[in-house]
């Protein structure tokens, strides 16, 4: 989680800059061209079910299509990319930028809010781009800071609404037409606030300070609910109404969810558990645990130390294990393949069903999105997009 940046000294003017040569509309979206947030979906499954262009037979044809170098300054660092509506979006020292996914050409750019301000999260839901940020600009004197929650039109970059919650907005969930934020800044009120995605109308909040600090326990929803911690006790809360629907173990940290499954790391037993959302019951458990997981609803993919393993979701039986010879990063699942970064090595690509080696991608050291026959990731210099 990004640390709270420093106190605002001036207010930035809300100015939207559109690329002079760019059209005001983006290409139509389809399921395979979308990786709309970190982890692909609200459950952070790291799975793109619609990808059907990149597979074992086509990945060898990938070529470098465009790139954007990272700035030398760390203020702000790059957030994203996420992919939706034919666009690849990032927030960095150039502002909040939407580029054509095929060519890298700038389509629109916001520099009124997100120029020298650090974004925490960048999420696309439907035709709306949601960005959260501390309201502090970079490089200014220290102090506490509330946050911003902003919504932009995906196609044009037009600011739709902006809210200033009583929190630094470092945590974000977008689910069921709701934008739900909380923070990690001890200089502001411990609060969870929910806004309607379409117009930013406040719908509910959970911020009474009388019985302890309240925050989102996890950025991953559990079914129709989000998890809120109050005074060290966690509970399930309906994402739309804010009403409590049940309890939740404070030792169960959600790692990923998909369909009726949520996979949690249990700090009490140091294990990974597969839990049915509909019943709240544990289906199976393993002593192998890591926060680097992905799931496609059939298998759970677990990266731990130098190995990548796959487990049958229903039974918990291990389907395969691959020892990759270097520290394994976050798995990404799409098009029958599993992608993982390896410390000091090129991106590795494995068969999702068997774990067999497919290839490596030497142009990338890490990966952010798999969508529309493209890989969006990074090399030593910055953002790189490869495509067929």
Protein backbone atom coordinates (compact mmCIF):
# COMPACT_ATOMS: atom_id res chain seq x y z
CA UNK A 1 0.00 0.00 0.00
CA UNK A 2 1.40 3.35 -0.97
CA UNK A 3 2.44 5.58 1.91
CA UNK A 4 0.55 8.84 2.32
CA UNK A 5 2.28 11.63 0.46
CA UNK A 6 2.79 15.12 1.70
CA UNK A 7 0.44 18.02 2.42
CA UNK A 8 -1.03 20.09 -0.38
CA UNK A 9 0.38 23.60 -0.79
CA UNK A 10 -1.76 24.85 -3.63
CA UNK A 11 -4.87 23.66 -5.48
CA UNK A 12 -4.35 22.45 -9.01
CA UNK A 13 -6.66 23.90 -11.63
CA UNK A 14 -9.03 21.36 -13.15
CA UNK A 15 -7.90 21.39 -16.76
CA UNK A 16 -8.47 18.58 -19.21
CA UNK A 17 -5.95 18.37 -22.02
CA UNK A 18 -6.97 16.45 -25.10
CA UNK A 19 -4.43 15.33 -27.64
CA UNK A 20 -4.80 17.57 -30.65
CA UNK A 21 -4.73 14.73 -33.14
CA UNK A 22 -6.83 12.30 -31.12
CA UNK A 23 -10.47 11.44 -31.77
CA UNK A 24 -13.00 11.99 -28.99
CA UNK A 25 -14.08 8.38 -28.94
CA UNK A 26 -12.36 5.10 -28.24
CA UNK A 27 -12.69 1.78 -29.98
CA UNK A 28 -15.58 -0.42 -28.80
CA UNK A 29 -14.76 -2.68 -25.88
CA UNK A 30 -15.03 -6.45 -25.87
CA UNK A 31 -14.26 -8.99 -23.19
CA UNK A 32 -10.95 -10.11 -24.61
CA UNK A 33 -9.58 -6.55 -24.89
CA UNK A 34 -10.17 -5.75 -21.23
CA UNK A 35 -7.95 -5.83 -18.15
CA UNK A 36 -9.70 -3.01 -16.29
CA UNK A 37 -7.89 -3.02 -12.95
CA UNK A 38 -5.08 -4.61 -11.01
CA UNK A 39 -5.82 -8.33 -10.98
CA UNK A 40 -8.25 -8.03 -13.93
CA UNK A 41 -11.41 -7.99 -11.79
CA UNK A 42 -12.68 -6.99 -8.36
CA UNK A 43 -11.77 -10.45 -7.06
CA UNK A 44 -8.18 -10.01 -8.23
CA UNK A 45 -8.26 -13.38 -9.96
CA UNK A 46 -5.55 -12.26 -12.42
CA UNK A 47 -7.55 -14.10 -15.09
CA UNK A 48 -8.81 -12.85 -18.45
CA UNK A 49 -11.45 -15.38 -19.48
CA UNK A 50 -12.08 -13.66 -22.81
CA UNK A 51 -8.55 -13.67 -24.17
CA UNK A 52 -8.50 -15.90 -27.25
CA UNK A 53 -5.80 -14.31 -29.41
CA UNK A 54 -2.69 -15.02 -27.37
CA UNK A 55 -2.15 -18.73 -26.87
CA UNK A 56 0.61 -21.33 -27.14
CA UNK A 57 0.57 -21.25 -30.95
CA UNK A 58 0.50 -17.47 -31.36
CA UNK A 59 2.68 -16.12 -28.56
CA UNK A 60 5.85 -16.63 -30.57
CA UNK A 61 4.64 -13.93 -32.98
CA UNK A 62 4.60 -11.17 -30.36
CA UNK A 63 6.43 -7.98 -31.32
CA UNK A 64 7.17 -4.74 -29.53
CA UNK A 65 4.43 -2.33 -30.62
CA UNK A 66 5.06 0.73 -28.46
CA UNK A 67 6.60 1.90 -25.22
CA UNK A 68 6.65 4.83 -22.81
CA UNK A 69 9.76 5.49 -20.69
CA UNK A 70 9.31 5.97 -16.97
CA UNK A 71 10.26 9.39 -15.64
CA UNK A 72 13.43 9.65 -13.58
CA UNK A 73 11.46 11.29 -10.76
CA UNK A 74 9.59 9.05 -8.32
CA UNK A 75 6.89 11.69 -7.86
CA UNK A 76 4.53 10.36 -8.89
CA UNK A 77 5.44 6.82 -9.81
CA UNK A 78 3.51 5.05 -12.55
CA UNK A 79 0.11 3.54 -11.65
CA UNK A 80 -1.33 1.08 -14.16
CA UNK A 81 -1.54 0.22 -16.93
CA UNK A 82 -5.12 -0.99 -17.14
CA UNK A 83 -6.83 -1.83 -20.42
CA UNK A 84 -10.43 -1.16 -21.50
CA UNK A 85 -12.37 0.22 -24.46
CA UNK A 86 -9.42 -0.02 -26.82
CA UNK A 87 -7.36 2.16 -24.48
CA UNK A 88 -4.41 1.60 -22.19
CA UNK A 89 -4.48 3.92 -19.18
CA UNK A 90 -1.73 5.00 -16.81
CA UNK A 91 -1.16 7.71 -14.24
CA UNK A 92 2.35 9.11 -14.02
CA UNK A 93 4.25 12.38 -14.37
CA UNK A 94 2.45 12.99 -17.68
CA UNK A 95 -0.90 13.00 -15.86
CA UNK A 96 -3.77 10.56 -16.23
CA UNK A 97 -3.25 9.35 -19.79
CA UNK A 98 -5.30 7.17 -22.13
CA UNK A 99 -3.44 5.78 -25.13
CA UNK A 100 -4.66 3.74 -28.07
CA UNK A 101 -3.85 0.16 -27.12
CA UNK A 102 -2.75 -0.77 -30.64
CA UNK A 103 -0.48 2.18 -31.41
CA UNK A 104 0.30 3.96 -28.13
CA UNK A 105 -1.07 7.23 -29.55
CA UNK A 106 -2.41 9.56 -26.86
CA UNK A 107 -6.20 9.83 -26.98
CA UNK A 108 -6.76 12.03 -23.94
CA UNK A 109 -4.94 13.35 -20.89
CA UNK A 110 -5.97 14.94 -17.60
CA UNK A 111 -3.42 17.26 -15.99
CA UNK A 112 -5.77 19.20 -13.76
CA UNK A 113 -5.94 16.60 -11.01
CA UNK A 114 -3.39 13.89 -11.82
CA UNK A 115 -0.17 15.57 -12.84
CA UNK A 116 2.08 15.87 -9.77
CA UNK A 117 -0.32 13.99 -7.53
CA UNK A 118 0.16 10.33 -6.62
CA UNK A 119 -2.73 8.03 -7.53
CA UNK A 120 -3.35 4.98 -5.40
CA UNK A 121 -5.69 3.06 -7.71
CA UNK A 122 -6.92 3.13 -11.31
CA UNK A 123 -10.04 1.10 -12.13
CA UNK A 124 -12.33 1.02 -15.17
CA UNK A 125 -15.94 -0.08 -14.63
CA UNK A 126 -18.07 -0.04 -17.77
CA UNK A 127 -17.42 3.35 -19.38
CA UNK A 128 -16.18 5.03 -16.20
CA UNK A 129 -12.59 5.44 -15.01
CA UNK A 130 -12.25 5.67 -11.21
CA UNK A 131 -9.04 7.06 -9.70
CA UNK A 132 -8.25 7.59 -6.01
CA UNK A 133 -5.48 9.76 -4.63
CA UNK A 134 -4.23 11.56 -1.58
CA UNK A 135 -5.04 15.26 -1.90
CA UNK A 136 -1.38 16.08 -1.19
CA UNK A 137 0.88 17.03 -4.03
CA UNK A 138 4.37 15.62 -4.29
CA UNK A 139 7.40 17.27 -2.75
CA UNK A 140 5.59 19.52 -0.29
CA UNK A 141 5.87 19.73 3.50
CA UNK A 142 4.67 16.83 5.65
CA UNK A 143 1.31 16.40 7.32
CA UNK A 144 -1.89 14.41 7.17
CA UNK A 145 -4.07 14.41 4.09
CA UNK A 146 -7.56 13.51 3.03
CA UNK A 147 -8.10 12.07 -0.42
CA UNK A 148 -9.83 12.43 -3.75
CA UNK A 149 -12.13 10.02 -5.55
CA UNK A 150 -12.55 11.01 -9.19
CA UNK A 151 -14.54 9.55 -12.08
CA UNK A 152 -13.79 10.22 -15.74
CA UNK A 153 -15.51 9.22 -18.97
CA UNK A 154 -13.46 6.41 -20.52
CA UNK A 155 -13.86 7.54 -24.13
CA UNK A 156 -13.20 11.27 -23.74
CA UNK A 157 -11.51 11.81 -20.37
CA UNK A 158 -14.21 14.24 -19.26
CA UNK A 159 -14.39 14.61 -15.48
CA UNK A 160 -17.74 13.16 -14.40
CA UNK A 161 -17.52 13.76 -10.65
CA UNK A 162 -15.07 14.30 -7.82
CA UNK A 163 -15.50 13.69 -4.11
CA UNK A 164 -13.29 14.37 -1.07
CA UNK A 165 -13.92 11.60 1.46
CA UNK A 166 -12.88 11.95 5.08
CA UNK A 167 -10.02 9.52 4.46
CA UNK A 168 -6.95 9.41 2.24
CA UNK A 169 -8.74 6.93 -0.11
CA UNK A 170 -5.76 4.56 -0.18
CA UNK A 171 -8.10 1.54 -0.42
CA UNK A 172 -10.67 1.10 -3.19
CA UNK A 173 -13.29 -1.44 -4.23
CA UNK A 174 -15.52 -0.92 -7.27
CA UNK A 175 -18.32 -3.49 -7.25
CA UNK A 176 -22.10 -3.70 -7.88
CA UNK A 177 -22.21 -0.12 -9.17
CA UNK A 178 -20.57 1.22 -6.00
CA UNK A 179 -17.24 2.96 -5.37
CA UNK A 180 -16.09 2.14 -1.83
CA UNK A 181 -13.02 3.73 -0.24
CA UNK A 182 -11.18 3.77 3.06
CA UNK A 183 -7.72 4.84 4.11
CA UNK A 184 -4.53 4.17 5.96
CA UNK A 185 -3.78 7.72 7.12
CA UNK A 186 -3.84 8.06 10.89
CA UNK A 187 -4.12 11.83 10.51
CA UNK A 188 -7.68 11.52 9.21
CA UNK A 189 -10.82 9.85 10.51
CA UNK A 190 -10.93 6.05 10.21
CA UNK A 191 -13.77 5.83 7.77
CA UNK A 192 -15.31 3.72 4.99
CA UNK A 193 -17.40 5.62 2.43
CA UNK A 194 -19.48 4.40 -0.52
CA UNK A 195 -20.49 6.40 -3.59
CA UNK A 196 -22.70 5.58 -6.56
CA UNK A 197 -20.55 4.91 -9.61
CA UNK A 198 -22.80 6.73 -12.05
CA UNK A 199 -22.84 10.15 -10.38
CA UNK A 200 -20.78 10.03 -7.19
CA UNK A 201 -23.78 10.35 -4.88
CA UNK A 202 -22.82 9.33 -1.29
CA UNK A 203 -24.82 6.20 -0.43
CA UNK A 204 -23.50 4.99 2.92
CA UNK A 205 -20.59 5.43 5.29
CA UNK A 206 -19.16 3.65 8.30
CA UNK A 207 -17.10 6.13 10.23
CA UNK A 208 -18.27 6.38 13.83
CA UNK A 209 -15.11 6.77 15.89
CA UNK A 210 -16.56 5.60 19.21
CA UNK A 211 -15.64 1.92 18.98
CA UNK A 212 -12.35 1.89 17.14
CA UNK A 213 -10.78 2.49 13.76
CA UNK A 214 -12.80 1.32 10.75
CA UNK A 215 -11.25 0.40 7.42
CA UNK A 216 -11.75 -1.98 4.55
CA UNK A 217 -10.25 -5.25 5.74
CA UNK A 218 -9.51 -6.28 2.16
CA UNK A 219 -9.74 -4.79 -1.36
CA UNK A 220 -11.43 -8.03 -2.47
CA UNK A 221 -15.23 -8.40 -2.16
CA UNK A 222 -16.72 -11.60 -0.81
CA UNK A 223 -19.81 -12.33 -2.89
CA UNK A 224 -22.12 -9.31 -2.65
CA UNK A 225 -20.28 -8.01 0.40
CA UNK A 226 -17.20 -6.06 1.35
CA UNK A 227 -15.22 -6.67 4.53
CA UNK A 228 -14.90 -3.95 7.15
CA UNK A 229 -12.78 -4.05 10.29
CA UNK A 230 -13.92 -2.15 13.36
CA UNK A 231 -11.94 -2.30 16.59
CA UNK A 232 -10.11 -5.40 15.40
CA UNK A 233 -13.35 -7.26 14.57
CA UNK A 234 -14.18 -7.98 10.92
CA UNK A 235 -17.65 -8.30 9.40
CA UNK A 236 -19.35 -8.69 6.04
CA UNK A 237 -21.24 -5.63 4.82
CA UNK A 238 -23.55 -5.45 1.81
CA UNK A 239 -21.74 -3.35 -0.80
CA UNK A 240 -24.89 -1.51 -1.91
CA UNK A 241 -26.65 -0.84 1.39
CA UNK A 242 -23.85 -0.86 3.96
CA UNK A 243 -25.87 -3.23 6.16
CA UNK A 244 -24.03 -5.94 8.08
CA UNK A 245 -24.74 -9.38 6.63
CA UNK A 246 -22.47 -11.57 8.72
CA UNK A 247 -19.19 -12.06 10.52
CA UNK A 248 -15.74 -12.75 9.09
CA UNK A 249 -12.65 -14.19 10.70
CA UNK A 250 -10.03 -11.51 11.27
CA UNK A 251 -7.33 -14.12 10.57
CA UNK A 252 -8.66 -14.81 7.05
CA UNK A 253 -7.15 -12.41 4.52
CA UNK A 254 -8.71 -12.79 1.04
CA UNK A 255 -6.10 -13.41 -1.64
CA UNK A 256 -8.37 -13.88 -4.68
CA UNK A 257 -11.96 -14.73 -5.51
CA UNK A 258 -13.77 -16.09 -8.54
CA UNK A 259 -17.35 -17.32 -8.81
CA UNK A 260 -18.38 -18.99 -5.55
CA UNK A 261 -14.81 -19.31 -4.32
CA UNK A 262 -12.66 -17.07 -2.18
CA UNK A 263 -9.12 -18.08 -1.32
CA UNK A 264 -7.78 -16.79 1.97
CA UNK A 265 -4.51 -16.78 3.85
CA UNK A 266 -5.14 -17.83 7.44
CA UNK A 267 -2.65 -16.12 9.75
CA UNK A 268 -3.70 -18.29 12.69
CA UNK A 269 -2.59 -21.56 11.07
CA UNK A 270 -0.32 -20.12 8.37
CA UNK A 271 -2.27 -21.89 5.66
CA UNK A 272 -4.18 -21.23 2.46
CA UNK A 273 -7.88 -22.07 2.58
CA UNK A 274 -10.46 -22.45 -0.19
CA UNK A 275 -13.79 -21.13 1.09
CA UNK A 276 -17.23 -21.36 -0.50
CA UNK A 277 -18.70 -17.85 -0.56
CA UNK A 278 -22.29 -19.12 -0.44
CA UNK A 279 -21.75 -21.18 2.71
CA UNK A 280 -18.69 -19.63 4.34
CA UNK A 281 -17.28 -23.13 4.81
CA UNK A 282 -13.73 -24.28 4.15
CA UNK A 283 -13.57 -26.84 1.32
CA UNK A 284 -9.86 -27.57 1.65
CA UNK A 285 -6.67 -26.20 3.08
CA UNK A 286 -2.94 -26.44 2.39
CA UNK A 287 0.12 -25.41 4.34
CA UNK A 288 1.53 -23.91 1.15
CA UNK A 289 0.60 -20.22 1.29
CA UNK A 290 1.59 -17.05 -0.54
CA UNK A 291 -0.11 -13.82 -1.51
CA UNK A 292 0.86 -14.40 -5.16
CA UNK A 293 -2.13 -16.38 -6.44
CA UNK A 294 -4.38 -16.49 -9.51
CA UNK A 295 -7.48 -18.52 -10.29
CA UNK A 296 -9.63 -19.35 -13.31
CA UNK A 297 -12.34 -21.15 -11.32
CA UNK A 298 -10.89 -24.54 -12.23
CA UNK A 299 -7.42 -24.28 -10.75
CA UNK A 300 -5.70 -22.13 -8.18
CA UNK A 301 -2.20 -21.05 -9.21
CA UNK A 302 0.22 -20.42 -6.36
CA UNK A 303 3.65 -18.82 -6.67
CA UNK A 304 5.93 -19.52 -3.73
CA UNK A 305 9.71 -19.04 -3.58
CA UNK A 306 11.05 -20.52 -6.85
CA UNK A 307 8.07 -22.71 -7.70
CA UNK A 308 4.70 -22.32 -9.40
CA UNK A 309 1.97 -24.81 -8.46
CA UNK A 310 -1.59 -25.49 -9.59
CA UNK A 311 -4.35 -26.96 -7.40
CA UNK A 312 -7.75 -28.28 -8.39
CA UNK A 313 -10.23 -25.73 -7.02
CA UNK A 314 -12.85 -28.27 -5.93
CA UNK A 315 -10.66 -30.94 -4.34
CA UNK A 316 -7.48 -29.08 -3.46
CA UNK A 317 -5.41 -31.81 -5.14
CA UNK A 318 -2.20 -30.51 -6.66
CA UNK A 319 -2.37 -30.75 -10.44
CA UNK A 320 1.24 -29.83 -11.20
CA UNK A 321 4.34 -28.10 -9.91
CA UNK A 322 7.08 -26.30 -11.86
CA UNK A 323 10.40 -25.29 -10.30
CA UNK A 324 11.56 -22.21 -12.19
CA UNK A 325 14.99 -21.51 -10.70
CA UNK A 326 14.34 -17.95 -9.50
CA UNK A 327 11.94 -16.07 -7.24
CA UNK A 328 8.50 -16.28 -8.85
CA UNK A 329 6.23 -13.25 -9.05
CA UNK A 330 2.49 -12.82 -9.49
CA UNK A 331 0.88 -15.33 -11.91
CA UNK A 332 -1.33 -14.08 -14.77
CA UNK A 333 -3.79 -16.46 -16.46
CA UNK A 334 -5.16 -15.99 -20.00
CA UNK A 335 -5.54 -17.91 -23.26
CA UNK A 336 -4.58 -21.32 -21.85
CA UNK A 337 -1.33 -19.89 -20.50
CA UNK A 338 0.20 -18.85 -17.19
CA UNK A 339 2.63 -15.92 -17.19
CA UNK A 340 5.01 -15.25 -14.26
CA UNK A 341 7.89 -12.88 -13.74
CA UNK A 342 11.17 -14.34 -12.45
CA UNK A 343 13.76 -12.32 -10.55
CA UNK A 344 16.65 -11.58 -12.91
CA UNK A 345 15.11 -13.55 -15.77
CA UNK A 346 12.69 -12.94 -18.67
CA UNK A 347 8.96 -13.41 -18.22
CA UNK A 348 8.14 -17.15 -18.17
CA UNK A 349 5.15 -18.68 -19.96
CA UNK A 350 3.71 -22.07 -18.97
CA UNK A 351 0.80 -24.24 -20.05
CA UNK A 352 -2.02 -23.60 -17.55
CA UNK A 353 -3.31 -27.18 -17.62
CA UNK A 354 0.00 -29.05 -17.35
CA UNK A 355 2.65 -26.58 -16.20
CA UNK A 356 4.81 -27.47 -19.23
CA UNK A 357 7.16 -24.80 -20.51
CA UNK A 358 5.84 -22.85 -23.49
CA UNK A 359 8.33 -20.01 -23.98
CA UNK A 360 9.86 -16.93 -22.41
CA UNK A 361 9.28 -13.28 -23.26
CA UNK A 362 12.70 -11.59 -23.08
CA UNK A 363 11.27 -8.15 -23.88
CA UNK A 364 9.50 -8.00 -20.49
CA UNK A 365 10.72 -8.26 -16.91
CA UNK A 366 7.24 -7.91 -15.41
CA UNK A 367 3.62 -8.01 -16.53
CA UNK A 368 0.58 -5.82 -15.79
CA UNK A 369 -2.14 -6.92 -18.24
CA UNK A 370 -3.00 -9.57 -20.84
CA UNK A 371 -5.76 -8.40 -23.19
CA UNK A 372 -6.67 -8.24 -26.87
CA UNK A 373 -3.66 -10.19 -28.09
CA UNK A 374 -1.29 -7.89 -26.20
CA UNK A 375 0.95 -7.99 -23.16
CA UNK A 376 1.38 -4.75 -21.24
CA UNK A 377 4.33 -4.84 -18.90
CA UNK A 378 7.70 -3.29 -18.19
CA UNK A 379 11.35 -3.52 -18.98
CA UNK A 380 14.20 -1.65 -17.29
CA UNK A 381 13.19 1.62 -18.97
CA UNK A 382 9.41 1.75 -18.55
CA UNK A 383 6.08 0.62 -19.97
CA UNK A 384 6.20 -1.77 -22.92
CA UNK A 385 3.30 -3.14 -24.98
CA UNK A 386 3.80 -6.24 -27.10
CA UNK A 387 1.22 -7.36 -29.67
CA UNK A 388 0.55 -9.82 -32.44
